[in-house]
Each structure stands twice: as structure tokens, then as C-alpha cells.
Amino acid sequence: MGTPGRSSIPKAASVSSAATAPTASPSSPDARIETAHHGREAMASILVVDDSEMVQRAVSAVLSRKGHEVVIAGKAVDGVQRVKERAFDLILMDLNLPDSRGERAIRALRLVMKVAAPILVISTEIKVDTVLELRSLGVVGFVDKTEGFGDRLVEEVDKALAGGDPR
């Protein structure tokens, strides 16, 4: 990994460090796949990058019930690795991750890896300056984890997957 307290997310000029970063096995808590479509094709594949197990469980339950395939990553570097391994229809990104700020991971996904999937930010600290910065990187929406999270999440996910701007 890197120096303690330092991020392993690639900077805009260097993506190679993430290519060699250790990855979580699919059975680890940092990389799980949750589905509730029981043999049917999932409506959408959604990557959730959030370190809170409570949020992971809540998001997975809500989105799996709607028929989506949910892949969980507990760290930014694991989320970046999942995106290298496969394409997703939507990415949900927390801003406070144990190994990096979500803004940095989003910047790496958009500017370095050229990921086109819509990105929704899920966070408890959504500030105006952060919204402006992330909108410039193509983030399509923001969901506050503190107020009516489940209902608002479903609404924003539906809009993002439909191609609408959930502003």
C-alpha cells in the first residue's frame, strides 16, 4: 500500500499505482456482490464505495430489492479496482473513505480512467464548494445520508439510470 495516512488512489498523472494495489477478494467485506434478482438479469449493476457497514447494508438492501446488482467496496482503492475489472451502470461514492477522499477517487475515475458511468455522491457532508467541484467532474447527483436517505437514494438512482440530471 503506501505510507500510513497516505492515499493509494492514483493522481491525475499516475494511474499505475492503483494497478498494483492489493484487491479485496470477492468474499471480503470490502468487495461483496449483493443481488436479489434470483436468476433474473439484474436491472443495473451498481458499485457502492462506502466504508460504513451500516450504509453498505442499507444501500444494498434497498437497491437489491429493486432488482439491481450491488457491488460493495469499502475503500476508494477497492472501488477503483472494481471499475478496472468491469463496467458499472452507476457508481455511488462516499466522500469520507479510510484511504482517500471520495473527490480524489472521482477525479481518478473521470480524468485518468475516463469512466463514463454516472456517479452519485452519498455523504453526510455535502458542501456548496464540493458540489460545484464535483459537478464539474460530471457527478450527476448528491444524496445526504442523514435525511430520508432510502427514499431519496431510490429517487436519485432511478433518475441517474434513466439518464436524467437529478439536480
C-alpha atoms as a PDB file:
ATOM      1  CA  MET A   1       0.000   0.000   0.000  1.00  0.00           C
ATOM      2  CA  GLY A   2       1.567   3.311   0.851  1.00  0.00           C
ATOM      3  CA  THR A   3       2.717   5.345   3.738  1.00  0.00           C
ATOM      4  CA  PRO A   4       0.223   5.276   6.622  1.00  0.00           C
ATOM      5  CA  GLY A   5      -2.207   8.157   6.261  1.00  0.00           C
ATOM      6  CA  ARG A   6      -1.469   8.492   2.544  1.00  0.00           C
ATOM      7  CA  SER A   7      -3.884   7.581  -0.207  1.00  0.00           C
ATOM      8  CA  SER A   8      -3.375   4.838  -2.774  1.00  0.00           C
ATOM      9  CA  ILE A   9      -5.717   6.446  -5.300  1.00  0.00           C
ATOM     10  CA  PRO A  10      -3.924   7.470  -8.488  1.00  0.00           C
ATOM     11  CA  LYS A  11      -3.210  11.121  -9.056  1.00  0.00           C
ATOM     12  CA  ALA A  12      -4.248  12.637 -12.377  1.00  0.00           C
ATOM     13  CA  ALA A  13      -0.787  11.954 -13.798  1.00  0.00           C
ATOM     14  CA  SER A  14      -0.263   8.451 -12.389  1.00  0.00           C
ATOM     15  CA  VAL A  15      -2.696   5.566 -12.534  1.00  0.00           C
ATOM     16  CA  SER A  16      -0.120   2.774 -12.323  1.00  0.00           C
ATOM     17  CA  SER A  17      -0.048   2.766  -8.518  1.00  0.00           C
ATOM     18  CA  ALA A  18      -3.663   1.589  -8.379  1.00  0.00           C
ATOM     19  CA  ALA A  19      -2.955  -1.163 -10.889  1.00  0.00           C
ATOM     20  CA  THR A  20      -0.667  -2.862  -8.392  1.00  0.00           C
ATOM     21  CA  ALA A  21      -2.722  -2.116  -5.296  1.00  0.00           C
ATOM     22  CA  PRO A  22      -3.905  -5.178  -3.388  1.00  0.00           C
ATOM     23  CA  THR A  23      -7.505  -6.024  -4.007  1.00  0.00           C
ATOM     24  CA  ALA A  24     -10.094  -7.465  -1.724  1.00  0.00           C
ATOM     25  CA  SER A  25     -11.309 -10.918  -2.546  1.00  0.00           C
ATOM     26  CA  PRO A  26     -14.949 -11.064  -3.642  1.00  0.00           C
ATOM     27  CA  SER A  27     -15.838 -12.637  -0.293  1.00  0.00           C
ATOM     28  CA  SER A  28     -14.176  -9.940   1.825  1.00  0.00           C
ATOM     29  CA  PRO A  29     -16.269  -7.185   3.432  1.00  0.00           C
ATOM     30  CA  ASP A  30     -14.533  -4.651   1.166  1.00  0.00           C
ATOM     31  CA  ALA A  31     -15.826  -6.258  -2.030  1.00  0.00           C
ATOM     32  CA  ARG A  32     -19.175  -8.032  -1.897  1.00  0.00           C
ATOM     33  CA  ILE A  33     -21.789  -8.591  -4.539  1.00  0.00           C
ATOM     34  CA  GLU A  34     -25.394  -8.468  -3.417  1.00  0.00           C
ATOM     35  CA  THR A  35     -28.282  -9.416  -5.666  1.00  0.00           C
ATOM     36  CA  ALA A  36     -31.926 -10.150  -5.145  1.00  0.00           C
ATOM     37  CA  HIS A  37     -32.937 -10.954  -8.677  1.00  0.00           C
ATOM     38  CA  HIS A  38     -32.819 -14.751  -8.150  1.00  0.00           C
ATOM     39  CA  GLY A  39     -31.722 -15.951 -11.573  1.00  0.00           C
ATOM     40  CA  ARG A  40     -33.117 -12.975 -13.466  1.00  0.00           C
ATOM     41  CA  GLU A  41     -30.807 -10.496 -15.117  1.00  0.00           C
ATOM     42  CA  ALA A  42     -30.180  -7.506 -12.864  1.00  0.00           C
ATOM     43  CA  MET A  43     -31.733  -4.199 -13.883  1.00  0.00           C
ATOM     44  CA  ALA A  44     -28.406  -2.386 -13.412  1.00  0.00           C
ATOM     45  CA  SER A  45     -25.030  -3.088 -11.899  1.00  0.00           C
ATOM     46  CA  ILE A  46     -24.186  -0.527  -9.224  1.00  0.00           C
ATOM     47  CA  LEU A  47     -20.873  -0.042  -7.430  1.00  0.00           C
ATOM     48  CA  VAL A  48     -21.184   1.343  -3.899  1.00  0.00           C
ATOM     49  CA  VAL A  49     -17.970   2.766  -2.421  1.00  0.00           C
ATOM     50  CA  ASP A  50     -18.596   3.410   1.280  1.00  0.00           C
ATOM     51  CA  ASP A  51     -16.730   2.273   4.391  1.00  0.00           C
ATOM     52  CA  SER A  52     -19.750   2.190   6.723  1.00  0.00           C
ATOM     53  CA  GLU A  53     -21.131  -1.334   7.034  1.00  0.00           C
ATOM     54  CA  MET A  54     -24.477   0.128   8.099  1.00  0.00           C
ATOM     55  CA  VAL A  55     -24.671   2.212   4.906  1.00  0.00           C
ATOM     56  CA  GLN A  56     -23.451  -0.727   2.817  1.00  0.00           C
ATOM     57  CA  ARG A  57     -26.234  -2.939   4.204  1.00  0.00           C
ATOM     58  CA  ALA A  58     -28.914  -0.258   3.799  1.00  0.00           C
ATOM     59  CA  VAL A  59     -27.951   0.653   0.231  1.00  0.00           C
ATOM     60  CA  SER A  60     -27.571  -2.985  -0.748  1.00  0.00           C
ATOM     61  CA  ALA A  61     -30.973  -3.907   0.696  1.00  0.00           C
ATOM     62  CA  VAL A  62     -32.791  -1.005  -0.958  1.00  0.00           C
ATOM     63  CA  LEU A  63     -31.189  -1.409  -4.388  1.00  0.00           C
ATOM     64  CA  SER A  64     -31.226  -5.229  -4.424  1.00  0.00           C
ATOM     65  CA  ARG A  65     -34.975  -5.176  -3.705  1.00  0.00           C
ATOM     66  CA  LYS A  66     -35.350  -3.057  -6.848  1.00  0.00           C
ATOM     67  CA  GLY A  67     -33.557  -5.804  -8.815  1.00  0.00           C
ATOM     68  CA  HIS A  68     -30.147  -4.169  -9.140  1.00  0.00           C
ATOM     69  CA  GLU A  69     -26.840  -5.976  -8.742  1.00  0.00           C
ATOM     70  CA  VAL A  70     -24.899  -4.207  -5.982  1.00  0.00           C
ATOM     71  CA  VAL A  71     -21.119  -4.473  -5.650  1.00  0.00           C
ATOM     72  CA  ILE A  72     -19.657  -3.108  -2.409  1.00  0.00           C
ATOM     73  CA  ALA A  73     -16.183  -1.617  -1.944  1.00  0.00           C
ATOM     74  CA  GLY A  74     -15.179  -0.327   1.485  1.00  0.00           C
ATOM     75  CA  LYS A  75     -12.187   1.719   0.338  1.00  0.00           C
ATOM     76  CA  ALA A  76     -11.500   4.058  -2.572  1.00  0.00           C
ATOM     77  CA  VAL A  77      -8.680   1.871  -3.901  1.00  0.00           C
ATOM     78  CA  ASP A  78     -11.010  -1.166  -3.913  1.00  0.00           C
ATOM     79  CA  GLY A  79     -13.651   0.833  -5.773  1.00  0.00           C
ATOM     80  CA  VAL A  80     -11.120   1.891  -8.411  1.00  0.00           C
ATOM     81  CA  GLN A  81     -10.007  -1.733  -8.735  1.00  0.00           C
ATOM     82  CA  ARG A  82     -13.611  -2.950  -9.211  1.00  0.00           C
ATOM     83  CA  VAL A  83     -14.014  -0.402 -12.043  1.00  0.00           C
ATOM     84  CA  LYS A  84     -10.831  -1.725 -13.673  1.00  0.00           C
ATOM     85  CA  GLU A  85     -12.266  -5.249 -13.535  1.00  0.00           C
ATOM     86  CA  ARG A  86     -15.668  -4.496 -15.053  1.00  0.00           C
ATOM     87  CA  ALA A  87     -18.090  -1.819 -16.169  1.00  0.00           C
ATOM     88  CA  PHE A  88     -20.875  -0.492 -13.954  1.00  0.00           C
ATOM     89  CA  ASP A  89     -24.104   1.269 -14.860  1.00  0.00           C
ATOM     90  CA  LEU A  90     -23.812   3.579 -11.839  1.00  0.00           C
ATOM     91  CA  ILE A  91     -21.281   4.396  -9.119  1.00  0.00           C
ATOM     92  CA  LEU A  92     -22.247   5.610  -5.635  1.00  0.00           C
ATOM     93  CA  MET A  93     -19.303   7.259  -3.861  1.00  0.00           C
ATOM     94  CA  ASP A  94     -18.915   8.371  -0.258  1.00  0.00           C
ATOM     95  CA  LEU A  95     -16.660  11.386   0.314  1.00  0.00           C
ATOM     96  CA  ASN A  96     -15.100  10.191   3.594  1.00  0.00           C
ATOM     97  CA  LEU A  97     -13.227   6.961   2.976  1.00  0.00           C
ATOM     98  CA  PRO A  98     -10.476   5.465   5.143  1.00  0.00           C
ATOM     99  CA  ASP A  99      -7.816   5.584   2.422  1.00  0.00           C
ATOM    100  CA  SER A 100      -8.757   8.683   0.420  1.00  0.00           C
ATOM    101  CA  ARG A 101     -11.258  11.455  -0.083  1.00  0.00           C
ATOM    102  CA  GLY A 102     -14.050  10.473  -2.446  1.00  0.00           C
ATOM    103  CA  GLU A 103     -13.335  13.588  -4.517  1.00  0.00           C
ATOM    104  CA  ARG A 104      -9.899  12.223  -5.342  1.00  0.00           C
ATOM    105  CA  ALA A 105     -11.310   8.832  -6.346  1.00  0.00           C
ATOM    106  CA  ILE A 106     -13.914  10.537  -8.559  1.00  0.00           C
ATOM    107  CA  ARG A 107     -11.192  12.651 -10.167  1.00  0.00           C
ATOM    108  CA  ALA A 108      -9.176   9.471 -10.887  1.00  0.00           C
ATOM    109  CA  LEU A 109     -12.216   7.684 -12.336  1.00  0.00           C
ATOM    110  CA  ARG A 110     -13.165  10.585 -14.591  1.00  0.00           C
ATOM    111  CA  LEU A 111      -9.868  12.171 -15.623  1.00  0.00           C
ATOM    112  CA  VAL A 112      -7.431   9.254 -15.579  1.00  0.00           C
ATOM    113  CA  MET A 113      -9.578   6.201 -16.250  1.00  0.00           C
ATOM    114  CA  LYS A 114     -12.157   8.047 -18.395  1.00  0.00           C
ATOM    115  CA  VAL A 115     -15.077   6.257 -16.719  1.00  0.00           C
ATOM    116  CA  ALA A 116     -18.356   7.420 -18.261  1.00  0.00           C
ATOM    117  CA  ALA A 117     -20.795   5.784 -15.811  1.00  0.00           C
ATOM    118  CA  PRO A 118     -22.903   8.268 -13.868  1.00  0.00           C
ATOM    119  CA  ILE A 119     -21.657   8.952 -10.346  1.00  0.00           C
ATOM    120  CA  LEU A 120     -23.825   9.857  -7.364  1.00  0.00           C
ATOM    121  CA  VAL A 121     -22.220  11.123  -4.174  1.00  0.00           C
ATOM    122  CA  ILE A 122     -23.602   9.758  -0.898  1.00  0.00           C
ATOM    123  CA  SER A 123     -22.333  11.656   2.122  1.00  0.00           C
ATOM    124  CA  THR A 124     -23.186  13.374   5.378  1.00  0.00           C
ATOM    125  CA  GLU A 125     -21.122  16.425   4.480  1.00  0.00           C
ATOM    126  CA  ILE A 126     -22.217  17.891   1.183  1.00  0.00           C
ATOM    127  CA  LYS A 127     -20.949  21.460   0.912  1.00  0.00           C
ATOM    128  CA  VAL A 128     -21.589  24.007  -1.837  1.00  0.00           C
ATOM    129  CA  ASP A 129     -17.933  24.212  -2.921  1.00  0.00           C
ATOM    130  CA  THR A 130     -17.724  20.407  -3.060  1.00  0.00           C
ATOM    131  CA  VAL A 131     -20.919  20.232  -5.130  1.00  0.00           C
ATOM    132  CA  LEU A 132     -19.528  22.759  -7.624  1.00  0.00           C
ATOM    133  CA  GLU A 133     -16.196  20.939  -7.913  1.00  0.00           C
ATOM    134  CA  LEU A 134     -17.808  17.529  -8.363  1.00  0.00           C
ATOM    135  CA  ARG A 135     -20.438  18.775 -10.821  1.00  0.00           C
ATOM    136  CA  SER A 136     -17.513  19.925 -12.989  1.00  0.00           C
ATOM    137  CA  LEU A 137     -16.316  16.290 -12.937  1.00  0.00           C
ATOM    138  CA  GLY A 138     -19.707  15.058 -14.097  1.00  0.00           C
ATOM    139  CA  VAL A 139     -21.218  13.932 -10.793  1.00  0.00           C
ATOM    140  CA  VAL A 140     -24.946  13.739 -11.518  1.00  0.00           C
ATOM    141  CA  GLY A 141     -26.342  13.962  -8.008  1.00  0.00           C
ATOM    142  CA  PHE A 142     -25.855  14.110  -4.269  1.00  0.00           C
ATOM    143  CA  VAL A 143     -27.704  12.171  -1.585  1.00  0.00           C
ATOM    144  CA  ASP A 144     -27.432  13.278   2.037  1.00  0.00           C
ATOM    145  CA  LYS A 145     -27.183  10.167   4.217  1.00  0.00           C
ATOM    146  CA  THR A 146     -28.934  11.878   7.123  1.00  0.00           C
ATOM    147  CA  GLU A 147     -32.358  12.931   5.796  1.00  0.00           C
ATOM    148  CA  GLY A 148     -34.764  10.394   4.282  1.00  0.00           C
ATOM    149  CA  PHE A 149     -31.797   8.531   2.859  1.00  0.00           C
ATOM    150  CA  GLY A 150     -33.546   5.416   1.499  1.00  0.00           C
ATOM    151  CA  ASP A 151     -36.325   7.193  -0.384  1.00  0.00           C
ATOM    152  CA  ARG A 152     -34.030   9.899  -1.725  1.00  0.00           C
ATOM    153  CA  LEU A 153     -31.469   7.279  -2.776  1.00  0.00           C
ATOM    154  CA  VAL A 154     -34.033   5.350  -4.826  1.00  0.00           C
ATOM    155  CA  GLU A 155     -35.240   8.564  -6.473  1.00  0.00           C
ATOM    156  CA  GLU A 156     -31.712   9.716  -7.402  1.00  0.00           C
ATOM    157  CA  VAL A 157     -30.618   6.254  -8.588  1.00  0.00           C
ATOM    158  CA  ASP A 158     -33.698   5.968 -10.816  1.00  0.00           C
ATOM    159  CA  LYS A 159     -33.017   9.404 -12.328  1.00  0.00           C
ATOM    160  CA  ALA A 160     -29.320   8.703 -12.857  1.00  0.00           C
ATOM    161  CA  LEU A 161     -30.015   5.355 -14.542  1.00  0.00           C
ATOM    162  CA  ALA A 162     -32.682   6.944 -16.742  1.00  0.00           C
ATOM    163  CA  GLY A 163     -30.109   9.466 -17.919  1.00  0.00           C
ATOM    164  CA  GLY A 164     -31.819  12.401 -16.268  1.00  0.00           C
ATOM    165  CA  ASP A 165     -29.985  15.036 -14.297  1.00  0.00           C
ATOM    166  CA  PRO A 166     -31.203  14.593 -10.707  1.00  0.00           C
ATOM    167  CA  ARG A 167     -30.395  18.196  -9.708  1.00  0.00           C
END
